[in-house]
Protein backbone atom coordinates (compact mmCIF):
# COMPACT_ATOMS: atom_id res chain seq x y z
CA MET A 1 12.67 0.08 -24.40
CA PHE A 2 10.98 -1.56 -21.43
CA PRO A 3 7.36 -0.46 -20.98
CA ASP A 4 7.26 1.99 -18.11
CA TYR A 5 3.58 1.43 -17.45
CA ILE A 6 4.28 -2.14 -16.30
CA ILE A 7 6.71 -0.88 -13.66
CA ILE A 8 4.23 1.75 -12.50
CA LEU A 9 1.38 -0.76 -12.28
CA LEU A 10 3.64 -3.16 -10.33
CA ILE A 11 4.44 -0.35 -7.89
CA ALA A 12 0.70 0.21 -7.46
CA ALA A 13 0.10 -3.50 -6.85
CA GLY A 14 2.91 -3.58 -4.26
CA SER A 15 1.48 -0.54 -2.49
CA ILE A 16 -1.96 -2.11 -2.33
CA ARG A 17 -0.46 -5.30 -0.88
CA PHE A 18 1.50 -3.24 1.67
CA PHE A 19 -1.72 -1.41 2.61
CA PHE A 20 -3.51 -4.66 3.45
CA GLN A 21 -0.57 -5.99 5.49
CA SER A 22 0.22 -2.79 7.41
CA SER A 23 -1.35 -1.93 10.74
CA GLU A 24 0.20 1.55 10.97
CA ASP A 25 -2.09 4.46 10.10
CA VAL A 26 0.47 6.72 8.41
CA ALA A 27 1.98 3.90 6.38
CA SER A 28 -1.47 2.83 5.21
CA VAL A 29 -2.39 6.33 4.09
CA LEU A 30 0.91 6.72 2.24
CA ALA A 31 0.47 3.32 0.60
CA VAL A 32 -3.00 4.27 -0.65
CA GLY A 33 -1.68 7.59 -1.98
CA VAL A 34 1.16 5.90 -3.84
CA ALA A 35 -1.17 3.22 -5.17
CA LEU A 36 -3.73 5.71 -6.50
CA THR A 37 -1.07 7.91 -8.08
CA SER A 38 0.65 4.92 -9.66
CA LEU A 39 -2.60 3.47 -10.98
CA ILE A 40 -3.61 6.77 -12.58
CA CYS A 41 -0.18 7.35 -14.13
CA GLY A 42 0.18 3.74 -15.23
CA PHE A 43 -3.25 3.72 -16.82
CA ALA A 44 -2.57 7.03 -18.60
CA LEU A 45 0.80 5.85 -19.98
CA ALA A 46 -0.43 2.43 -21.09
CA PRO A 47 -1.22 1.85 -24.77
CA TRP A 48 -4.87 1.58 -25.70
CA PRO A 49 -4.98 -2.25 -25.95
CA VAL A 50 -3.73 -2.49 -22.37
CA GLN A 51 -6.23 0.17 -21.27
CA LEU A 52 -9.02 -1.76 -22.97
CA GLY A 53 -7.88 -4.98 -21.26
CA ILE A 54 -7.84 -3.30 -17.85
CA LEU A 55 -11.28 -1.82 -18.46
CA LEU A 56 -12.76 -5.15 -19.53
CA THR A 57 -11.18 -6.90 -16.53
CA VAL A 58 -12.70 -4.37 -14.15
CA LEU A 59 -16.13 -4.62 -15.79
CA VAL A 60 -16.15 -8.44 -15.72
CA TRP A 61 -14.87 -8.51 -12.14
CA GLU A 62 -17.55 -6.02 -11.06
CA ARG A 63 -20.29 -8.03 -12.76
CA LEU A 64 -19.13 -11.28 -11.14
CA TYR A 65 -18.71 -9.60 -7.76
CA LEU A 66 -22.18 -8.08 -7.85
CA ARG A 67 -23.68 -11.40 -8.93
CA THR A 68 -22.31 -13.13 -5.81
CA GLN A 69 -23.60 -10.46 -3.41
CA PRO A 70 -26.93 -11.22 -1.69
CA LYS A 71 -29.82 -8.97 -2.62
CA THR A 72 -30.95 -6.78 0.25
CA LYS A 73 -34.13 -4.75 0.48
CA PRO A 74 -33.77 -1.10 1.52
C-alpha cells in the first residue's frame, strides 16, 4: 500500500509552485485553494512521526527565518 499522504503533499507542493509561476488571477486562487486543502488533508492522513517531522521542520524554518530578519522599531 503506497502512502496516500505523500501523493497529497506532492499535489500541494505542485500547486504552490504553480501559484508562484502563474500570472492569472483565477488560476492563482484555485492553486492556493488546492494547496491548502491538500496540505490539510495530507497532514491529517500522515502518521504521527511524519506529522512530528513536519512540525519540527516548520518550527526550525520559522526560527531561522526570523533570525535573519532585521529588527525594526514600531
